Protein backbone atom coordinates (compact mmCIF):
# COMPACT_ATOMS: atom_id res chain seq x y z
CA UNK A 1 0.00 0.00 0.00
CA UNK A 2 1.22 3.50 -0.74
CA UNK A 3 -0.12 5.24 2.36
CA UNK A 4 3.41 6.07 3.49
CA UNK A 5 4.24 7.62 0.12
CA UNK A 6 1.09 9.73 0.25
CA UNK A 7 2.01 10.95 3.72
CA UNK A 8 5.50 11.89 2.60
CA UNK A 9 4.10 13.70 -0.42
CA UNK A 10 1.56 15.50 1.74
CA UNK A 11 4.24 16.54 4.22
CA UNK A 12 6.32 17.94 1.37
CA UNK A 13 3.47 19.64 -0.49
CA UNK A 14 0.71 20.82 1.80
CA UNK A 15 0.60 24.46 2.79
CA UNK A 16 -2.80 24.67 4.50
CA UNK A 17 -5.16 22.54 6.61
CA UNK A 18 -7.47 22.39 3.59
CA UNK A 19 -4.80 20.73 1.45
CA UNK A 20 -4.04 18.29 4.25
CA UNK A 21 -7.70 17.34 4.62
CA UNK A 22 -7.84 16.65 0.88
CA UNK A 23 -4.96 14.20 1.23
CA UNK A 24 -6.64 12.53 4.20
CA UNK A 25 -9.86 12.22 2.22
CA UNK A 26 -7.99 10.62 -0.69
CA UNK A 27 -6.30 8.20 1.68
CA UNK A 28 -9.63 7.20 3.22
CA UNK A 29 -11.20 6.78 -0.21
CA UNK A 30 -8.36 4.50 -1.29
CA UNK A 31 -8.64 2.42 1.86
CA UNK A 32 -12.37 2.05 1.26
CA UNK A 33 -11.73 0.97 -2.33
CA UNK A 34 -9.29 -1.66 -1.10
CA UNK A 35 -11.76 -2.91 1.52
CA UNK A 36 -14.56 -3.11 -1.03
CA UNK A 37 -12.32 -4.93 -3.49
CA UNK A 38 -11.33 -7.42 -0.78
CA UNK A 39 -14.78 -8.14 0.60
CA UNK A 40 -17.16 -7.86 -2.34
C-alpha atoms as a PDB file:
ATOM      1  CA  UNK A   1       0.000   0.000   0.000  1.00  0.00           C
ATOM      2  CA  UNK A   2       1.219   3.497  -0.743  1.00  0.00           C
ATOM      3  CA  UNK A   3      -0.123   5.237   2.355  1.00  0.00           C
ATOM      4  CA  UNK A   4       3.407   6.066   3.487  1.00  0.00           C
ATOM      5  CA  UNK A   5       4.240   7.620   0.125  1.00  0.00           C
ATOM      6  CA  UNK A   6       1.091   9.728   0.251  1.00  0.00           C
ATOM      7  CA  UNK A   7       2.011  10.949   3.722  1.00  0.00           C
ATOM      8  CA  UNK A   8       5.503  11.895   2.600  1.00  0.00           C
ATOM      9  CA  UNK A   9       4.102  13.704  -0.424  1.00  0.00           C
ATOM     10  CA  UNK A  10       1.556  15.497   1.739  1.00  0.00           C
ATOM     11  CA  UNK A  11       4.241  16.541   4.220  1.00  0.00           C
ATOM     12  CA  UNK A  12       6.318  17.938   1.367  1.00  0.00           C
ATOM     13  CA  UNK A  13       3.475  19.639  -0.493  1.00  0.00           C
ATOM     14  CA  UNK A  14       0.714  20.816   1.796  1.00  0.00           C
ATOM     15  CA  UNK A  15       0.601  24.456   2.791  1.00  0.00           C
ATOM     16  CA  UNK A  16      -2.797  24.672   4.498  1.00  0.00           C
ATOM     17  CA  UNK A  17      -5.156  22.535   6.606  1.00  0.00           C
ATOM     18  CA  UNK A  18      -7.466  22.392   3.586  1.00  0.00           C
ATOM     19  CA  UNK A  19      -4.805  20.727   1.446  1.00  0.00           C
ATOM     20  CA  UNK A  20      -4.040  18.287   4.249  1.00  0.00           C
ATOM     21  CA  UNK A  21      -7.699  17.341   4.615  1.00  0.00           C
ATOM     22  CA  UNK A  22      -7.844  16.651   0.881  1.00  0.00           C
ATOM     23  CA  UNK A  23      -4.963  14.205   1.232  1.00  0.00           C
ATOM     24  CA  UNK A  24      -6.636  12.535   4.200  1.00  0.00           C
ATOM     25  CA  UNK A  25      -9.864  12.217   2.218  1.00  0.00           C
ATOM     26  CA  UNK A  26      -7.990  10.623  -0.693  1.00  0.00           C
ATOM     27  CA  UNK A  27      -6.301   8.200   1.680  1.00  0.00           C
ATOM     28  CA  UNK A  28      -9.626   7.196   3.225  1.00  0.00           C
ATOM     29  CA  UNK A  29     -11.198   6.785  -0.210  1.00  0.00           C
ATOM     30  CA  UNK A  30      -8.357   4.504  -1.294  1.00  0.00           C
ATOM     31  CA  UNK A  31      -8.642   2.419   1.858  1.00  0.00           C
ATOM     32  CA  UNK A  32     -12.372   2.051   1.259  1.00  0.00           C
ATOM     33  CA  UNK A  33     -11.729   0.975  -2.334  1.00  0.00           C
ATOM     34  CA  UNK A  34      -9.292  -1.663  -1.102  1.00  0.00           C
ATOM     35  CA  UNK A  35     -11.763  -2.905   1.523  1.00  0.00           C
ATOM     36  CA  UNK A  36     -14.560  -3.112  -1.029  1.00  0.00           C
ATOM     37  CA  UNK A  37     -12.323  -4.935  -3.487  1.00  0.00           C
ATOM     38  CA  UNK A  38     -11.334  -7.418  -0.785  1.00  0.00           C
ATOM     39  CA  UNK A  39     -14.779  -8.136   0.602  1.00  0.00           C
ATOM     40  CA  UNK A  40     -17.164  -7.857  -2.342  1.00  0.00           C
END
